[in-house]
Amino acid sequence: MTSKLESLRSWVDQVAAHTQPEAIHWCTGSEEEFRDLLELMLATGTLTTLNKATHPNCYLHLSSPNDVARVEHLTFVCTPEEDDAGPNNHWMAPADGHQQMDALFDGCMKGRIMYVIPYCMGPLGSPYARCGVEITDSPYVVANMKLMTRMGSKALERIEAEGTFVRGLHSTGELDPDRRFIMHFPEELSIKSYGSGYGGNALLGKKCHALRIASYQARQEGWLAEHMLIVGLENPDGAVHYVACAFPSACGKTNLAMLIPPETMKGWRVWTLGDDIAWLHLDEGGKLRAINPESGYFGVVPGTNEKTNKNAYDMITHDAIFTNVGTTADNQPWWEGKKTGTPARDWQGRAYDETAGPAAHPNSRFTVAATNNPSYSTLADAPEGVPISAIVFGGRRKQVAPLVYQAKSWEHGVLIGASTASETTAAMVGDVGVVRRDPMAMKPFCGYNFADYWAHWLSFPERSEHLPDMFHVNWFRQNEKGDFLWPGFGENLRVLEWIIERCEGRADAEETAIGYLPHASDINTDNLDIRPETLDELLTVDTEQWQAEMTGVLEYLESYGDRLPEELKRQQKMIADALDASLAKAS
């Protein structure tokens, strides 16, 4: 197999001449090819088979201990002008980036097979999808791309018809941390990644293409590539709404994407369309529609159990690849928070010793096809995508941010997204409780200057009068004792119910300086064990805290200099002035 597209053939030939592989394999995406890859990795020890009775067709991969996570400090955006990459990215001039990477790739595939992976991000027939080709020397990458993307012959047909594709070149190299870099060249629609086999660094269709490169493409072409889940909500009357939500790490993103309605909310149904990335386009009528560019999940597994996320727990009992988890004596996968079983070996293959650290690496992963998910929606494959009723931003705040509030306008919503923040936890490096801004949950993933990115968001009202409403949620408010005030998990559907009813114009709200908040009576608390004073506290806006918050927001925004859109400063001032007026009135 090869390609009819001369530009693709030529590129593959150039890479082969430079990296000098033993052989070239053009991936077809067939089940037979997938099985052959698994057999190859089992023979070489790259994979081992897990318990066939409890976890049929499941495999374990243990990576190098120095290669277990994204390497943001070694990830660069290469643009001609440094300002175009922005202070939110590490920058390198394109010529320097190519020179550095080409030296690493020189002869790096000797004795290895070079795999050519044509793939499509999004439904194959969708006008919103975009294609790419990843060249790699890792069969583990090929197997994961099979689960995560529409990969193979059909994707190649689309690439040949369109004549354009994102170019991704990857090699595991020597897995030397001192020879590990990921370079993005947005203007060339290309990526080069060397020295890592970890998913976020090596599965180039994921964060590298679907967010960093795609965010640049989206700005050029007039759409949005976002770090958002897509969830469908069907109420007891049969009305369905789709919501896109942007949450930073450790804010309940996967749990919300696969939410199971509580027993007390009969008649509700929840559909998962995506747990990580959303591409949002305006249709001909000006409605914002979303597709999930991925077709699988690459999820963090620790903490997953039947209570926290039953759908995720159930979907990884078969046909899954686990990376860096522990194992039990009978070779079942095990991780902290699983709540069943006992670890016998840890993520490095050693006999488990609790004094030596966790059995599963804290960033251990599962890879699985989206169709494994019990709440999978076939509309994930709909070429036209799904209409988005609401965009929801969320952070992890002990105080300040109420349970939920609604933006007063699209422009106000962009400010809310741009100022999204979380407080650091004990699981993070550095001091606990420090507020970190993570605009739109895109801090590690925006492929260009955040100031220009916000300006792009602010351009949408000029092109449509039918944009979705925007909201902010915070499941993590705590009392003085450190207890969470809101039960979370499936009960979050109660908040989403108010959001949907606001979108329909059926729910009441109180206008405050920071946005529209529900009255306590507007939140459905039927059969929920929550005290009235607790709900009041969840919906409290502390004016002095918010004054300090708005000062911090302005300082953060102004760090982007002259490129910062004036509209964001105007929105910030409107809120700050309203808070001052509120405090003056109260005194």
Protein backbone atom coordinates (compact mmCIF):
# COMPACT_ATOMS: atom_id res chain seq x y z
CA MET A 1 0.00 0.00 0.00
CA THR A 2 1.13 3.54 -0.77
CA SER A 3 -0.65 6.77 -1.73
CA LYS A 4 -1.86 8.39 -4.93
CA LEU A 5 -1.06 11.80 -3.41
CA GLU A 6 2.37 12.87 -4.61
CA SER A 7 2.96 15.31 -1.72
CA LEU A 8 2.33 12.50 0.80
CA ARG A 9 4.48 9.97 -1.04
CA SER A 10 7.30 12.49 -1.34
CA TRP A 11 7.17 13.34 2.36
CA VAL A 12 7.20 9.68 3.38
CA ASP A 13 10.18 9.05 1.09
CA GLN A 14 12.04 12.04 2.56
CA VAL A 15 11.41 10.87 6.12
CA ALA A 16 12.50 7.33 5.27
CA ALA A 17 15.73 8.56 3.69
CA HIS A 18 16.42 10.65 6.79
CA THR A 19 15.45 8.16 9.53
CA GLN A 20 16.61 4.99 7.65
CA PRO A 21 14.03 2.44 8.83
CA GLU A 22 14.36 -1.27 8.15
CA ALA A 23 10.91 -1.31 6.50
CA ILE A 24 7.89 0.93 5.83
CA HIS A 25 4.34 -0.11 6.70
CA TRP A 26 1.34 1.89 5.50
CA CYS A 27 -1.42 1.33 8.05
CA THR A 28 -4.81 0.18 6.77
CA GLY A 29 -6.70 0.29 10.06
CA SER A 30 -7.96 -3.27 9.61
CA GLU A 31 -8.75 -5.59 12.52
CA GLU A 32 -6.21 -8.06 11.16
CA GLU A 33 -3.51 -5.39 11.22
CA PHE A 34 -4.49 -4.49 14.81
CA ARG A 35 -4.22 -8.13 15.93
CA ASP A 36 -0.84 -8.46 14.23
CA LEU A 37 0.41 -5.37 16.06
CA LEU A 38 -0.76 -6.78 19.38
CA GLU A 39 0.97 -10.10 18.67
CA LEU A 40 4.17 -8.27 17.75
CA MET A 41 4.13 -6.26 20.99
CA LEU A 42 3.35 -9.36 23.06
CA ALA A 43 6.32 -11.13 21.45
CA THR A 44 8.67 -8.23 22.19
CA GLY A 45 7.36 -7.64 25.71
CA THR A 46 5.95 -4.20 24.90
CA LEU A 47 2.58 -5.56 26.03
CA THR A 48 1.50 -8.33 28.37
CA THR A 49 -1.91 -10.01 28.44
CA LEU A 50 -4.14 -9.32 31.43
CA ASN A 51 -6.54 -11.82 33.02
CA LYS A 52 -8.57 -13.17 30.08
CA ALA A 53 -11.51 -14.22 32.25
CA THR A 54 -12.05 -10.90 34.02
CA HIS A 55 -10.62 -8.55 31.36
CA PRO A 56 -10.91 -10.17 27.92
CA ASN A 57 -8.77 -8.60 25.19
CA CYS A 58 -7.05 -6.28 27.68
CA TYR A 59 -3.33 -5.59 27.71
CA LEU A 60 -0.79 -3.87 29.91
CA HIS A 61 2.01 -1.59 28.78
CA LEU A 62 4.69 -0.45 31.22
CA SER A 63 6.59 2.54 29.96
CA SER A 64 10.01 3.79 30.96
CA PRO A 65 9.86 5.38 34.45
CA ASN A 66 11.18 8.60 32.93
CA ASP A 67 8.41 8.72 30.32
CA VAL A 68 5.06 8.85 32.09
CA ALA A 69 3.44 12.23 31.35
CA ARG A 70 3.22 15.21 29.01
CA VAL A 71 6.39 17.30 28.97
CA GLU A 72 5.02 20.82 28.76
CA HIS A 73 8.42 22.39 29.49
CA LEU A 74 9.81 20.60 26.41
CA THR A 75 6.86 21.47 24.18
CA PHE A 76 7.34 24.38 21.78
CA VAL A 77 5.27 26.42 19.35
CA CYS A 78 7.45 27.52 16.46
CA THR A 79 6.26 30.73 14.77
CA PRO A 80 8.29 33.37 12.88
CA GLU A 81 7.48 35.98 15.56
CA GLU A 82 7.67 35.13 19.26
CA ASP A 83 4.63 37.28 20.04
CA ASP A 84 2.50 35.07 17.81
CA ALA A 85 3.17 32.10 20.14
CA GLY A 86 2.45 34.30 23.15
CA PRO A 87 3.54 34.12 26.78
CA ASN A 88 1.33 31.05 27.18
CA ASN A 89 3.74 28.95 25.05
CA HIS A 90 7.41 28.10 24.91
CA TRP A 91 8.69 29.51 21.64
CA MET A 92 11.39 28.65 19.14
CA ALA A 93 12.02 30.04 15.66
CA PRO A 94 10.88 27.54 12.98
CA ALA A 95 14.35 27.19 11.41
CA ASP A 96 15.90 26.47 14.81
CA GLY A 97 13.14 24.02 15.69
CA HIS A 98 13.59 22.07 12.47
CA GLN A 99 17.36 22.05 12.82
CA GLN A 100 17.19 20.71 16.37
CA MET A 101 14.63 18.03 15.55
CA ASP A 102 16.21 16.94 12.26
CA ALA A 103 19.46 16.24 14.08
CA LEU A 104 17.60 13.95 16.49
CA PHE A 105 15.73 12.13 13.71
CA ASP A 106 18.88 11.43 11.67
CA GLY A 107 19.07 7.63 11.34
CA CYS A 108 16.86 7.13 14.41
CA MET A 109 14.73 4.33 12.88
CA LYS A 110 17.55 1.98 11.92
CA GLY A 111 16.44 -1.58 12.65
CA ARG A 112 12.84 -0.43 13.22
CA ILE A 113 9.65 -0.43 11.19
CA MET A 114 8.39 2.97 10.09
CA TYR A 115 4.59 3.10 10.32
CA VAL A 116 2.61 5.56 8.20
CA ILE A 117 -0.74 6.29 9.87
CA PRO A 118 -3.37 8.20 7.85
CA TYR A 119 -6.09 9.35 10.25
CA CYS A 120 -9.18 11.51 10.38
CA MET A 121 -10.07 13.63 13.39
CA GLY A 122 -13.85 13.64 13.39
CA PRO A 123 -16.44 11.59 11.46
CA LEU A 124 -15.03 10.59 8.08
CA GLY A 125 -17.86 12.23 6.15
CA SER A 126 -18.02 15.41 8.19
CA PRO A 127 -17.14 18.78 6.65
CA TYR A 128 -15.92 19.72 10.12
CA ALA A 129 -13.33 16.89 10.32
CA ARG A 130 -9.65 17.40 9.52
CA CYS A 131 -7.08 14.79 8.54
CA GLY A 132 -3.49 14.06 9.37
CA VAL A 133 -0.72 11.53 8.82
CA GLU A 134 1.53 10.41 11.65
CA ILE A 135 4.81 8.67 10.90
CA THR A 136 6.13 6.71 13.88
CA ASP A 137 8.41 3.83 14.80
CA SER A 138 6.18 2.75 17.71
CA PRO A 139 3.65 -0.08 17.27
CA TYR A 140 2.18 1.00 20.63
CA VAL A 141 1.37 4.38 19.06
CA VAL A 142 -0.25 2.68 16.05
CA ALA A 143 -2.45 0.51 18.30
CA ASN A 144 -3.55 3.52 20.35
CA MET A 145 -4.23 5.61 17.25
CA LYS A 146 -6.42 2.75 16.00
CA LEU A 147 -8.55 3.12 19.15
CA MET A 148 -8.42 6.93 19.33
CA THR A 149 -8.99 8.02 15.70
CA ARG A 150 -10.62 7.00 12.42
CA MET A 151 -7.39 5.55 11.10
CA GLY A 152 -6.39 3.73 7.92
CA SER A 153 -7.51 3.30 4.33
CA LYS A 154 -10.71 5.37 4.50
CA ALA A 155 -8.85 8.27 6.08
CA LEU A 156 -6.24 8.00 3.32
CA GLU A 157 -8.98 8.21 0.69
CA ARG A 158 -10.19 11.49 2.21
CA ILE A 159 -6.63 12.85 2.40
CA GLU A 160 -6.08 12.01 -1.26
CA ALA A 161 -9.36 13.69 -2.21
CA GLU A 162 -8.61 16.87 -0.24
CA GLY A 163 -4.89 17.02 -0.93
CA THR A 164 -4.08 18.46 2.48
CA PHE A 165 -3.18 16.98 5.87
CA VAL A 166 -1.37 17.73 9.12
CA ARG A 167 2.09 16.14 9.10
CA GLY A 168 3.23 14.46 12.31
CA LEU A 169 6.64 12.84 12.68
CA HIS A 170 7.38 10.82 15.82
CA SER A 171 10.08 8.54 17.12
CA THR A 172 10.56 7.09 20.58
CA GLY A 173 14.28 7.62 20.03
CA GLU A 174 16.32 6.47 23.02
CA LEU A 175 13.70 7.60 25.59
CA ASP A 176 16.38 9.94 26.90
CA PRO A 177 14.82 12.91 28.79
CA ASP A 178 17.70 15.09 27.59
CA ARG A 179 16.80 14.24 23.97
CA ARG A 180 13.03 14.72 24.23
CA PHE A 181 11.15 17.55 22.51
CA ILE A 182 7.77 18.21 20.90
CA MET A 183 7.76 20.98 18.29
CA HIS A 184 4.67 22.44 16.64
CA PHE A 185 4.84 24.46 13.42
CA PRO A 186 1.33 25.94 13.09
CA GLU A 187 1.89 27.80 9.83
CA GLU A 188 3.19 24.57 8.25
CA LEU A 189 0.50 22.38 9.89
CA SER A 190 3.23 20.06 11.12
CA ILE A 191 4.45 18.44 14.33
CA LYS A 192 7.73 16.78 15.28
CA SER A 193 7.99 14.71 18.46
CA TYR A 194 11.08 12.84 19.61
CA GLY A 195 12.16 10.84 22.63
CA SER A 196 8.85 9.89 24.26
CA GLY A 197 6.37 7.06 23.89
CA TYR A 198 3.81 8.55 26.29
CA GLY A 199 0.36 9.17 24.81
CA GLY A 200 0.11 12.96 25.01
CA ASN A 201 3.60 13.28 23.51
CA ALA A 202 3.37 10.46 20.98
CA LEU A 203 -0.27 10.14 19.85
CA LEU A 204 0.06 13.19 17.66
CA GLY A 205 -3.60 13.24 16.64
CA LYS A 206 -4.59 14.07 20.22
CA LYS A 207 -3.33 17.20 22.00
CA CYS A 208 -0.74 18.08 19.34
CA HIS A 209 -3.07 18.05 16.34
CA ALA A 210 -6.60 18.24 17.80
CA LEU A 211 -5.79 21.22 20.04
CA ARG A 212 -2.46 22.99 19.39
CA ILE A 213 -2.48 22.81 15.59
CA ALA A 214 -6.27 22.75 15.29
CA SER A 215 -6.68 25.85 17.47
CA TYR A 216 -4.49 27.68 14.96
CA GLN A 217 -6.45 26.20 12.03
CA ALA A 218 -9.70 27.15 13.76
CA ARG A 219 -8.70 30.79 14.05
CA GLN A 220 -7.72 30.89 10.38
CA GLU A 221 -10.94 29.19 9.27
CA GLY A 222 -13.44 30.69 11.73
CA TRP A 223 -14.20 27.90 14.20
CA LEU A 224 -13.06 26.77 17.68
CA ALA A 225 -10.90 23.80 18.76
CA GLU A 226 -11.43 23.41 22.49
CA HIS A 227 -10.46 21.28 25.48
CA MET A 228 -14.11 20.45 26.19
CA LEU A 229 -16.31 17.46 26.87
CA ILE A 230 -19.59 17.12 24.97
CA VAL A 231 -22.54 15.64 26.83
CA GLY A 232 -26.16 15.10 25.80
CA LEU A 233 -28.92 15.52 28.38
CA GLU A 234 -32.44 14.16 27.86
CA ASN A 235 -35.11 15.25 30.34
CA PRO A 236 -38.17 13.16 31.32
CA ASP A 237 -40.22 14.92 28.61
CA GLY A 238 -37.80 13.74 25.92
CA ALA A 239 -36.20 17.13 25.20
CA VAL A 240 -32.48 16.78 24.43
CA HIS A 241 -29.80 19.42 24.89
CA TYR A 242 -26.07 19.20 24.23
CA VAL A 243 -23.61 20.99 26.47
CA ALA A 244 -19.87 21.62 25.96
CA CYS A 245 -17.84 21.97 29.15
CA ALA A 246 -14.26 23.15 29.73
CA PHE A 247 -12.71 21.99 33.01
CA PRO A 248 -9.03 22.06 33.99
CA SER A 249 -7.36 18.93 35.33
CA ALA A 250 -8.84 17.44 38.55
CA CYS A 251 -12.18 19.24 38.13
CA GLY A 252 -14.42 16.25 37.29
CA LYS A 253 -14.35 16.41 33.49
CA THR A 254 -14.54 12.69 32.71
CA ASN A 255 -17.07 12.09 35.48
CA LEU A 256 -19.38 14.73 34.02
CA ALA A 257 -18.98 13.40 30.47
CA MET A 258 -20.15 9.97 31.66
CA LEU A 259 -22.55 11.12 34.36
CA ILE A 260 -25.19 8.64 35.51
CA PRO A 261 -28.44 10.28 36.70
CA PRO A 262 -29.13 9.67 40.39
CA GLU A 263 -31.94 7.28 41.30
CA THR A 264 -33.94 10.25 42.57
CA MET A 265 -34.07 11.86 39.09
CA LYS A 266 -36.21 9.36 37.22
CA GLY A 267 -36.60 9.76 33.47
CA TRP A 268 -33.32 11.58 32.83
CA ARG A 269 -30.81 10.12 30.37
CA VAL A 270 -27.24 11.19 29.68
CA TRP A 271 -25.28 10.59 26.48
CA THR A 272 -21.51 10.87 26.11
CA LEU A 273 -20.31 12.39 22.85
CA GLY A 274 -16.80 13.25 24.01
CA ASP A 275 -14.76 13.44 27.19
CA ASP A 276 -11.86 15.69 26.18
CA ILE A 277 -11.96 17.70 22.94
CA ALA A 278 -14.67 19.54 21.01
CA TRP A 279 -14.49 21.25 17.62
CA LEU A 280 -17.18 23.92 17.36
CA HIS A 281 -18.42 25.34 14.06
CA LEU A 282 -21.21 27.71 13.07
CA ASP A 283 -23.70 26.05 10.73
CA GLU A 284 -25.55 27.86 7.94
CA GLY A 285 -28.20 29.07 10.39
CA GLY A 286 -25.60 30.48 12.79
CA LYS A 287 -26.04 27.69 15.36
CA LEU A 288 -22.87 26.47 17.06
CA ARG A 289 -22.44 22.76 16.42
CA ALA A 290 -19.85 20.42 17.91
CA ILE A 291 -18.05 17.28 16.88
CA ASN A 292 -15.69 15.16 18.94
CA PRO A 293 -12.59 14.74 16.76
CA GLU A 294 -11.61 11.59 18.65
CA SER A 295 -13.19 8.14 18.55
CA GLY A 296 -11.78 6.78 21.79
CA TYR A 297 -10.72 7.65 25.32
CA PHE A 298 -7.21 8.04 26.72
CA GLY A 299 -8.19 8.51 30.35
CA VAL A 300 -6.53 8.72 33.75
CA VAL A 301 -7.47 5.55 35.59
CA PRO A 302 -6.66 6.12 39.33
CA GLY A 303 -9.78 6.96 41.29
CA THR A 304 -12.08 5.23 38.79
CA ASN A 305 -14.53 2.86 40.50
CA GLU A 306 -18.19 1.90 40.41
CA LYS A 307 -19.17 4.89 42.55
CA THR A 308 -17.07 7.66 41.01
CA ASN A 309 -17.62 6.69 37.36
CA LYS A 310 -19.44 3.43 36.75
CA ASN A 311 -19.59 3.89 32.97
CA ALA A 312 -15.82 4.34 32.74
CA TYR A 313 -15.28 1.45 35.16
CA ASP A 314 -17.47 -0.87 33.10
CA MET A 315 -16.07 0.13 29.71
CA ILE A 316 -12.48 -0.79 30.62
CA THR A 317 -13.28 -4.36 31.59
CA HIS A 318 -12.74 -5.49 27.98
CA ASP A 319 -10.86 -4.51 24.80
CA ALA A 320 -8.66 -1.94 26.52
CA ILE A 321 -4.97 -1.08 26.72
CA PHE A 322 -3.77 -0.11 30.20
CA THR A 323 -0.58 1.88 30.68
CA ASN A 324 1.39 1.97 33.95
CA VAL A 325 -1.17 0.38 36.28
CA GLY A 326 -0.38 -2.25 38.88
CA THR A 327 -1.58 -5.86 38.75
CA THR A 328 -3.09 -8.33 41.21
CA ALA A 329 -1.82 -11.84 41.87
CA ASP A 330 -4.24 -13.19 39.23
CA ASN A 331 -3.12 -10.53 36.73
CA GLN A 332 -6.05 -8.15 36.86
CA PRO A 333 -5.27 -4.43 36.43
CA TRP A 334 -5.19 -2.52 39.71
CA TRP A 335 -4.99 1.14 40.64
CA GLU A 336 -5.47 3.32 43.68
CA GLY A 337 -9.15 4.06 44.22
CA LYS A 338 -10.36 0.91 42.46
CA LYS A 339 -11.89 -0.28 45.74
CA THR A 340 -11.54 -3.99 44.83
CA GLY A 341 -8.59 -6.40 44.71
CA THR A 342 -5.09 -6.20 46.14
CA PRO A 343 -1.98 -5.21 44.19
CA ALA A 344 0.79 -7.76 43.80
CA ARG A 345 3.03 -5.88 41.33
CA ASP A 346 3.45 -2.16 40.74
CA TRP A 347 3.58 -0.07 37.56
CA GLN A 348 7.27 -0.81 37.13
CA GLY A 349 6.71 -4.56 37.27
CA ARG A 350 8.18 -4.90 40.76
CA ALA A 351 6.68 -6.76 43.71
CA TYR A 352 4.35 -4.24 45.32
CA ASP A 353 5.72 -2.48 48.39
CA GLU A 354 3.43 0.19 49.78
CA THR A 355 6.41 2.02 51.28
CA ALA A 356 7.90 2.43 47.78
CA GLY A 357 4.97 4.40 46.37
CA PRO A 358 1.64 3.72 44.67
CA ALA A 359 0.98 0.52 42.74
CA ALA A 360 -0.31 2.46 39.74
CA HIS A 361 1.40 5.60 38.53
CA PRO A 362 -0.80 8.64 39.38
CA ASN A 363 -0.96 9.39 35.63
CA SER A 364 -1.60 5.80 34.58
CA ARG A 365 -4.02 5.50 31.67
CA PHE A 366 -6.52 3.42 29.78
CA THR A 367 -7.11 3.53 26.03
CA VAL A 368 -10.44 2.25 24.79
CA ALA A 369 -12.79 2.77 21.85
CA ALA A 370 -15.67 5.16 22.57
CA THR A 371 -18.16 2.46 21.60
CA ASN A 372 -17.21 0.58 24.79
CA ASN A 373 -18.90 3.28 26.85
CA PRO A 374 -22.40 2.26 28.03
CA SER A 375 -23.53 5.89 27.56
CA TYR A 376 -22.05 6.18 24.05
CA SER A 377 -24.17 8.16 21.60
CA THR A 378 -24.20 7.23 17.92
CA LEU A 379 -24.44 10.96 17.23
CA ALA A 380 -20.70 11.03 17.99
CA ASP A 381 -20.43 9.85 14.36
CA ALA A 382 -22.97 12.34 12.96
CA PRO A 383 -21.24 14.36 10.20
CA GLU A 384 -23.24 17.48 11.06
CA GLY A 385 -22.32 17.35 14.75
CA VAL A 386 -24.74 18.30 17.52
CA PRO A 387 -26.19 21.76 18.37
CA ILE A 388 -24.74 23.24 21.55
CA SER A 389 -27.23 24.82 23.96
CA ALA A 390 -24.71 25.91 26.61
CA ILE A 391 -20.98 26.33 27.12
CA VAL A 392 -19.90 25.68 30.70
CA PHE A 393 -16.59 26.64 32.30
CA GLY A 394 -15.54 25.18 35.62
CA GLY A 395 -12.78 25.47 38.18
CA ARG A 396 -11.85 24.08 41.56
CA ARG A 397 -12.39 26.80 44.19
CA LYS A 398 -12.91 26.31 47.92
CA GLN A 399 -14.56 29.71 48.14
CA VAL A 400 -15.25 32.68 45.83
CA ALA A 401 -16.99 30.92 42.91
CA PRO A 402 -20.59 29.89 43.65
CA LEU A 403 -22.06 26.55 42.63
CA VAL A 404 -23.29 27.97 39.31
CA TYR A 405 -23.81 31.31 37.61
CA GLN A 406 -24.65 32.49 34.10
CA ALA A 407 -22.86 35.08 31.99
CA LYS A 408 -24.82 38.21 31.09
CA SER A 409 -23.59 38.14 27.50
CA TRP A 410 -21.26 36.24 25.18
CA GLU A 411 -18.55 38.83 25.86
CA HIS A 412 -19.00 38.41 29.61
CA GLY A 413 -18.81 34.65 29.08
CA VAL A 414 -15.48 35.02 27.29
CA LEU A 415 -14.16 36.90 30.33
CA ILE A 416 -15.41 34.10 32.58
CA GLY A 417 -13.63 31.55 30.41
CA ALA A 418 -10.46 33.64 30.18
CA SER A 419 -10.30 33.95 33.97
CA THR A 420 -11.08 30.30 34.77
CA ALA A 421 -8.98 29.28 37.77
CA SER A 422 -8.37 26.43 40.17
CA GLU A 423 -6.60 26.19 43.50
CA THR A 424 -3.69 23.78 43.64
CA THR A 425 -4.17 20.55 45.60
CA ALA A 426 -1.79 18.28 47.49
CA ALA A 427 -1.50 16.14 44.35
CA MET A 428 0.15 18.99 42.45
CA VAL A 429 3.72 20.23 42.55
CA GLY A 430 4.20 23.42 44.57
CA ASP A 431 2.26 25.17 47.31
CA VAL A 432 -1.29 24.08 48.15
CA GLY A 433 -4.14 26.54 47.62
CA VAL A 434 -2.45 28.77 45.06
CA VAL A 435 -4.84 30.16 42.42
CA ARG A 436 -3.77 29.19 38.90
CA ARG A 437 -5.44 30.67 35.83
CA ASP A 438 -6.21 28.16 33.10
CA PRO A 439 -8.22 30.04 30.45
CA MET A 440 -10.89 27.85 28.88
CA ALA A 441 -8.85 24.90 30.31
CA MET A 442 -6.55 25.51 27.33
CA LYS A 443 -3.37 26.75 29.03
CA PRO A 444 -1.15 23.83 27.86
CA PHE A 445 -2.91 23.42 24.53
CA CYS A 446 -3.54 26.74 22.75
CA GLY A 447 -1.28 26.86 19.70
CA TYR A 448 -0.94 30.65 19.60
CA ASN A 449 -1.07 33.81 21.72
CA PHE A 450 -3.94 33.70 24.24
CA ALA A 451 -4.72 37.38 23.61
CA ASP A 452 -5.38 36.60 19.93
CA TYR A 453 -7.34 33.50 20.99
CA TRP A 454 -9.66 35.60 23.17
CA ALA A 455 -10.08 38.08 20.32
CA HIS A 456 -11.14 35.15 18.12
CA TRP A 457 -13.75 34.09 20.68
CA LEU A 458 -14.99 37.68 20.86
CA SER A 459 -15.51 37.76 17.08
CA PHE A 460 -18.40 35.28 17.13
CA PRO A 461 -21.25 37.71 17.96
CA GLU A 462 -20.42 39.52 14.70
CA ARG A 463 -21.22 36.31 12.80
CA SER A 464 -24.19 34.89 14.66
CA GLU A 465 -27.19 35.94 16.73
CA HIS A 466 -27.80 32.36 17.90
CA LEU A 467 -24.81 31.64 20.12
CA PRO A 468 -25.22 29.41 23.18
CA ASP A 469 -25.48 30.80 26.69
CA MET A 470 -22.38 30.56 28.90
CA PHE A 471 -22.11 29.45 32.51
CA HIS A 472 -19.58 28.74 35.24
CA VAL A 473 -19.82 25.89 37.77
CA ASN A 474 -17.83 24.99 40.86
CA TRP A 475 -18.51 21.62 42.44
CA PHE A 476 -15.78 22.17 45.06
CA ARG A 477 -17.02 24.83 47.52
CA GLN A 478 -16.00 23.94 51.08
CA ASN A 479 -17.00 25.04 54.56
CA GLU A 480 -14.62 26.17 57.30
CA LYS A 481 -13.96 22.54 58.28
CA GLY A 482 -12.89 21.65 54.74
CA ASP A 483 -16.02 19.61 53.99
CA PHE A 484 -17.46 19.81 50.48
CA LEU A 485 -20.81 21.59 50.45
CA TRP A 486 -22.15 19.97 47.27
CA PRO A 487 -22.43 16.15 46.89
CA GLY A 488 -21.18 16.19 43.29
CA PHE A 489 -21.02 13.17 40.95
CA GLY A 490 -24.50 12.28 39.61
CA GLU A 491 -26.13 15.05 41.64
CA ASN A 492 -24.42 17.57 39.33
CA LEU A 493 -27.29 16.83 36.95
CA ARG A 494 -29.42 19.07 39.19
CA VAL A 495 -27.21 22.04 38.28
CA LEU A 496 -27.27 21.08 34.60
CA GLU A 497 -31.06 20.95 34.82
CA TRP A 498 -31.14 24.63 35.87
CA ILE A 499 -28.67 25.49 33.10
CA ILE A 500 -30.89 23.82 30.49
CA GLU A 501 -34.01 25.50 31.82
CA ARG A 502 -32.24 28.86 31.65
CA CYS A 503 -31.40 28.15 28.01
CA GLU A 504 -35.07 27.39 27.40
CA GLY A 505 -36.16 30.56 29.21
CA ARG A 506 -38.06 28.57 31.84
CA ALA A 507 -35.93 29.03 34.99
CA ASP A 508 -35.70 32.06 37.22
CA ALA A 509 -32.46 33.73 38.34
CA GLU A 510 -31.19 36.66 40.37
CA GLU A 511 -29.02 39.27 38.69
CA THR A 512 -25.81 39.95 40.63
CA ALA A 513 -22.59 41.83 39.89
CA ILE A 514 -20.91 38.64 38.64
CA GLY A 515 -23.81 37.20 36.63
CA TYR A 516 -27.17 35.49 36.96
CA LEU A 517 -27.44 33.11 39.93
CA PRO A 518 -30.26 30.71 40.74
CA HIS A 519 -32.33 31.36 43.81
CA ALA A 520 -32.07 28.45 46.23
CA SER A 521 -35.60 27.45 45.19
CA ASP A 522 -34.54 27.29 41.52
CA ILE A 523 -32.27 24.28 42.11
CA ASN A 524 -34.08 20.94 42.17
CA THR A 525 -33.29 19.46 45.60
CA ASP A 526 -36.10 16.88 45.67
CA ASN A 527 -34.93 13.84 47.65
CA LEU A 528 -31.50 15.43 48.11
CA ASP A 529 -30.06 15.50 51.62
CA ILE A 530 -28.83 19.10 51.72
CA ARG A 531 -29.61 21.70 54.36
CA PRO A 532 -31.15 25.03 53.26
CA GLU A 533 -28.30 27.01 54.84
CA THR A 534 -25.78 24.90 52.92
CA LEU A 535 -27.50 25.66 49.63
CA ASP A 536 -27.57 29.34 50.54
CA GLU A 537 -23.82 29.24 51.18
CA LEU A 538 -23.24 27.52 47.82
CA LEU A 539 -25.03 30.38 46.09
CA THR A 540 -23.40 33.20 48.03
CA VAL A 541 -21.39 35.93 46.31
CA ASP A 542 -18.93 37.45 48.78
CA THR A 543 -18.40 40.98 47.46
CA GLU A 544 -15.00 41.53 49.06
CA GLN A 545 -13.68 38.19 47.83
CA TRP A 546 -14.91 39.00 44.36
CA GLN A 547 -13.28 42.43 44.43
CA ALA A 548 -9.95 40.70 45.11
CA GLU A 549 -10.75 38.17 42.40
CA MET A 550 -11.41 40.85 39.80
CA THR A 551 -8.15 42.61 40.72
CA GLY A 552 -6.31 39.32 40.16
CA VAL A 553 -8.13 38.78 36.86
CA LEU A 554 -7.12 42.23 35.59
CA GLU A 555 -3.48 41.67 36.56
CA TYR A 556 -3.50 38.35 34.72
CA LEU A 557 -5.13 39.75 31.59
CA GLU A 558 -2.77 42.74 31.44
CA SER A 559 0.20 40.38 31.43
CA TYR A 560 -0.67 39.80 27.75
CA GLY A 561 0.19 43.39 26.88
CA ASP A 562 -1.01 45.36 23.89
CA ARG A 563 -2.63 42.37 22.17
CA LEU A 564 -5.21 42.00 24.93
CA PRO A 565 -8.68 42.81 23.54
CA GLU A 566 -10.06 46.00 25.10
CA GLU A 567 -13.44 44.29 25.39
CA LEU A 568 -12.11 41.97 28.11
CA LYS A 569 -10.87 44.93 30.13
CA ARG A 570 -14.25 46.60 29.63
CA GLN A 571 -16.06 43.50 30.89
CA GLN A 572 -13.75 43.28 33.90
CA LYS A 573 -14.37 46.95 34.76
CA MET A 574 -18.15 46.51 34.51
CA ILE A 575 -18.02 43.73 37.10
CA ALA A 576 -15.56 45.57 39.35
CA ASP A 577 -17.74 48.70 39.27
CA ALA A 578 -20.87 46.69 40.02
CA LEU A 579 -19.12 45.07 42.99
CA ASP A 580 -18.05 48.48 44.31
CA ALA A 581 -21.60 49.77 43.97
CA SER A 582 -22.96 46.70 45.73
CA LEU A 583 -20.57 47.15 48.65
CA ALA A 584 -21.36 50.87 48.91
CA LYS A 585 -25.08 50.12 48.94
CA ALA A 586 -24.67 47.48 51.66
CA SER A 587 -22.74 49.89 53.89
